[in-house]
């Protein structure tokens, strides 16, 4: 169970993340580094989708979020999946603070593939082909309406379930599912999939 009380979508490293967070709450700095390593790539990808790459970068906003996360870590209650949702909520608030300072609206922007997933062994040619298609998908995400882009980013990049993503966005799970479904359908259409 996560902080919100509902079940969360499991990720490959959620058990490890949960253990690391619990140890970090007891003062283990190495465990905090593990939690950071597991959460940071998806968090930065999500933030790039919100703040883009103009001016202050998503990495800077993430750094502000991590300061708050470290400060309030003792207040967090939940598992690894709940921690991902909690960090996404904090990062979202810091992103909107940043956007208010810039007096702009959130807009999706392309983000680096290396921040989206941990490296996997693959051939160079396969990686190059995957990179080309990934860049195309990321440019399509950037063109989605903000609610759809953010729902796709939270559901796919960070890996939250609809309940957790809804808590981050302040929306009902059904609204998040609908936005993510519409966004993914538009992405499929943009990639030449069925209409």
Protein backbone atom coordinates (compact mmCIF):
# COMPACT_ATOMS: atom_id res chain seq x y z
CA UNK A 1 0.00 0.00 0.00
CA UNK A 2 1.18 3.49 -0.73
CA UNK A 3 0.76 6.70 1.18
CA UNK A 4 -2.68 7.24 -0.36
CA UNK A 5 -3.94 3.87 0.92
CA UNK A 6 -4.55 2.23 -2.46
CA UNK A 7 -2.48 -0.39 -4.25
CA UNK A 8 0.17 0.95 -6.59
CA UNK A 9 1.43 -0.38 -9.93
CA UNK A 10 4.54 -2.41 -9.20
CA UNK A 11 7.84 -1.48 -10.81
CA UNK A 12 10.86 -3.74 -11.11
CA UNK A 13 12.76 -1.96 -8.32
CA UNK A 14 9.90 -1.10 -5.93
CA UNK A 15 10.93 -3.63 -3.27
CA UNK A 16 14.52 -2.38 -3.36
CA UNK A 17 13.26 1.21 -3.30
CA UNK A 18 11.02 0.52 -0.31
CA UNK A 19 13.93 -1.01 1.63
CA UNK A 20 16.20 1.90 0.69
CA UNK A 21 13.64 4.49 1.79
CA UNK A 22 13.10 2.72 5.13
CA UNK A 23 16.86 2.60 5.74
CA UNK A 24 17.26 6.24 4.66
CA UNK A 25 14.59 7.24 7.16
CA UNK A 26 16.82 5.65 9.82
CA UNK A 27 19.72 7.86 8.69
CA UNK A 28 21.49 5.58 6.19
CA UNK A 29 23.00 7.96 3.61
CA UNK A 30 23.97 5.14 1.25
CA UNK A 31 20.36 3.97 1.23
CA UNK A 32 19.21 7.49 0.33
CA UNK A 33 21.65 7.39 -2.60
CA UNK A 34 20.04 4.13 -3.76
CA UNK A 35 16.57 5.67 -3.56
CA UNK A 36 17.82 8.68 -5.51
CA UNK A 37 19.37 6.48 -8.20
CA UNK A 38 16.14 4.52 -8.64
CA UNK A 39 13.81 7.54 -8.77
CA UNK A 40 15.84 10.33 -10.39
CA UNK A 41 15.76 9.24 -14.09
CA UNK A 42 11.97 9.03 -14.26
CA UNK A 43 11.55 12.15 -12.15
CA UNK A 44 13.75 14.22 -14.45
CA UNK A 45 11.93 12.85 -17.50
CA UNK A 46 8.61 13.87 -15.96
CA UNK A 47 9.93 17.33 -15.09
CA UNK A 48 11.25 17.87 -18.60
CA UNK A 49 7.75 17.16 -19.81
CA UNK A 50 6.47 19.90 -17.49
CA UNK A 51 9.08 22.65 -17.62
CA UNK A 52 10.82 21.97 -20.92
CA UNK A 53 14.47 22.84 -21.34
CA UNK A 54 14.33 26.65 -21.57
CA UNK A 55 16.04 28.67 -18.84
CA UNK A 56 16.32 26.73 -15.62
CA UNK A 57 16.53 23.05 -16.47
CA UNK A 58 14.49 20.13 -15.26
CA UNK A 59 17.59 18.97 -13.39
CA UNK A 60 17.58 22.21 -11.39
CA UNK A 61 13.91 21.77 -10.52
CA UNK A 62 14.63 18.15 -9.56
CA UNK A 63 17.43 19.34 -7.28
CA UNK A 64 14.97 21.68 -5.52
CA UNK A 65 12.55 18.78 -5.17
CA UNK A 66 15.23 16.50 -3.72
CA UNK A 67 16.06 19.10 -1.09
CA UNK A 68 12.43 19.02 0.03
CA UNK A 69 12.30 15.21 -0.23
CA UNK A 70 15.39 14.88 1.97
CA UNK A 71 14.04 17.40 4.47
CA UNK A 72 10.63 15.70 4.76
CA UNK A 73 11.71 12.06 4.36
CA UNK A 74 10.83 11.26 7.97
CA UNK A 75 7.18 12.20 7.32
CA UNK A 76 6.76 9.79 4.40
CA UNK A 77 4.75 6.62 5.08
CA UNK A 78 4.47 3.99 2.41
CA UNK A 79 6.23 1.58 0.11
CA UNK A 80 8.49 1.98 -2.92
CA UNK A 81 5.61 2.73 -5.31
CA UNK A 82 4.19 5.21 -2.83
CA UNK A 83 7.57 6.91 -2.62
CA UNK A 84 7.63 7.37 -6.40
CA UNK A 85 4.21 9.03 -6.23
CA UNK A 86 5.21 11.19 -3.28
CA UNK A 87 8.38 12.38 -5.03
CA UNK A 88 6.41 13.09 -8.23
CA UNK A 89 3.97 15.24 -6.25
CA UNK A 90 6.79 17.24 -4.68
CA UNK A 91 8.55 17.62 -8.03
CA UNK A 92 5.30 18.74 -9.68
CA UNK A 93 4.87 21.48 -7.05
CA UNK A 94 8.46 22.66 -7.57
CA UNK A 95 7.89 22.65 -11.37
CA UNK A 96 4.79 24.81 -11.03
CA UNK A 97 6.69 27.16 -8.69
CA UNK A 98 9.36 27.44 -11.37
CA UNK A 99 6.76 28.07 -14.09
CA UNK A 100 5.06 30.74 -11.98
CA UNK A 101 8.42 32.45 -11.59
CA UNK A 102 8.79 32.38 -15.37
CA UNK A 103 5.13 33.35 -15.83
CA UNK A 104 4.67 30.64 -18.45
CA UNK A 105 2.39 27.69 -18.80
CA UNK A 106 3.54 24.07 -18.43
CA UNK A 107 4.38 22.55 -21.76
CA UNK A 108 5.71 19.17 -22.72
CA UNK A 109 9.20 19.14 -24.17
CA UNK A 110 11.49 16.43 -25.49
CA UNK A 111 13.73 14.77 -22.96
CA UNK A 112 16.79 12.53 -23.16
CA UNK A 113 16.33 8.80 -23.61
CA UNK A 114 19.14 8.12 -21.14
CA UNK A 115 17.02 9.65 -18.37
CA UNK A 116 14.02 7.47 -19.15
CA UNK A 117 15.44 4.03 -18.52
CA UNK A 118 18.39 2.26 -17.08
CA UNK A 119 20.92 1.12 -19.68
CA UNK A 120 20.36 -2.32 -21.16
CA UNK A 121 22.77 -4.44 -23.17
CA UNK A 122 21.95 -4.10 -26.88
CA UNK A 123 23.69 -3.86 -30.21
CA UNK A 124 24.69 -0.45 -31.51
CA UNK A 125 22.46 -0.68 -34.57
CA UNK A 126 19.46 -1.76 -32.50
CA UNK A 127 20.12 1.09 -30.06
CA UNK A 128 20.34 3.58 -32.93
CA UNK A 129 17.02 2.41 -34.39
CA UNK A 130 15.39 2.50 -30.98
CA UNK A 131 16.75 5.99 -30.37
CA UNK A 132 15.26 7.27 -33.62
CA UNK A 133 11.84 5.87 -32.78
CA UNK A 134 12.11 7.10 -29.18
CA UNK A 135 12.89 10.64 -30.36
CA UNK A 136 9.81 10.50 -32.56
CA UNK A 137 7.61 9.32 -29.68
CA UNK A 138 8.99 12.01 -27.38
CA UNK A 139 8.28 14.71 -29.95
CA UNK A 140 4.73 13.35 -30.23
CA UNK A 141 4.32 13.47 -26.43
CA UNK A 142 5.44 17.10 -26.55
CA UNK A 143 2.59 17.83 -28.98
CA UNK A 144 -0.14 16.32 -26.76
CA UNK A 145 -2.48 18.52 -24.73
CA UNK A 146 -0.96 19.15 -21.29
CA UNK A 147 -3.36 16.87 -19.35
CA UNK A 148 -2.74 13.97 -21.73
CA UNK A 149 1.04 14.51 -21.81
CA UNK A 150 1.25 14.65 -18.02
CA UNK A 151 -0.93 11.55 -17.60
CA UNK A 152 1.23 9.63 -20.09
CA UNK A 153 4.43 10.83 -18.38
CA UNK A 154 3.20 9.80 -14.93
CA UNK A 155 1.76 6.46 -16.04
CA UNK A 156 4.52 5.41 -18.46
CA UNK A 157 7.71 7.25 -17.47
CA UNK A 158 7.32 7.22 -13.69
CA UNK A 159 5.13 4.10 -13.70
CA UNK A 160 2.32 5.23 -11.42
CA UNK A 161 -1.10 3.61 -11.45
CA UNK A 162 -4.18 5.75 -12.11
CA UNK A 163 -4.90 6.25 -8.40
CA UNK A 164 -1.36 7.47 -7.66
CA UNK A 165 -1.20 9.63 -10.80
CA UNK A 166 -4.57 11.09 -9.85
CA UNK A 167 -3.23 12.04 -6.43
CA UNK A 168 -0.26 13.77 -8.06
CA UNK A 169 -2.49 15.65 -10.51
CA UNK A 170 -5.37 16.29 -8.13
CA UNK A 171 -7.75 14.41 -10.44
CA UNK A 172 -9.94 11.36 -10.19
CA UNK A 173 -8.34 8.07 -11.31
CA UNK A 174 -10.90 7.77 -14.11
CA UNK A 175 -9.92 11.18 -15.49
CA UNK A 176 -6.25 10.15 -15.44
CA UNK A 177 -7.05 6.85 -17.18
CA UNK A 178 -9.04 8.71 -19.83
CA UNK A 179 -6.31 11.31 -20.41
CA UNK A 180 -3.61 8.63 -20.59
CA UNK A 181 -5.74 6.51 -22.94
CA UNK A 182 -6.43 9.45 -25.23
CA UNK A 183 -2.78 10.49 -25.16
CA UNK A 184 -1.55 6.98 -25.92
CA UNK A 185 -4.14 6.64 -28.71
CA UNK A 186 -2.91 9.91 -30.25
CA UNK A 187 0.67 8.68 -29.93
CA UNK A 188 -0.30 5.45 -31.68
CA UNK A 189 -1.95 7.39 -34.48
CA UNK A 190 1.13 9.57 -34.81
CA UNK A 191 3.28 6.47 -35.12
CA UNK A 192 1.06 5.08 -37.87
CA UNK A 193 -0.86 2.66 -35.66
CA UNK A 194 -4.57 1.79 -35.92
CA UNK A 195 -6.99 4.69 -35.77
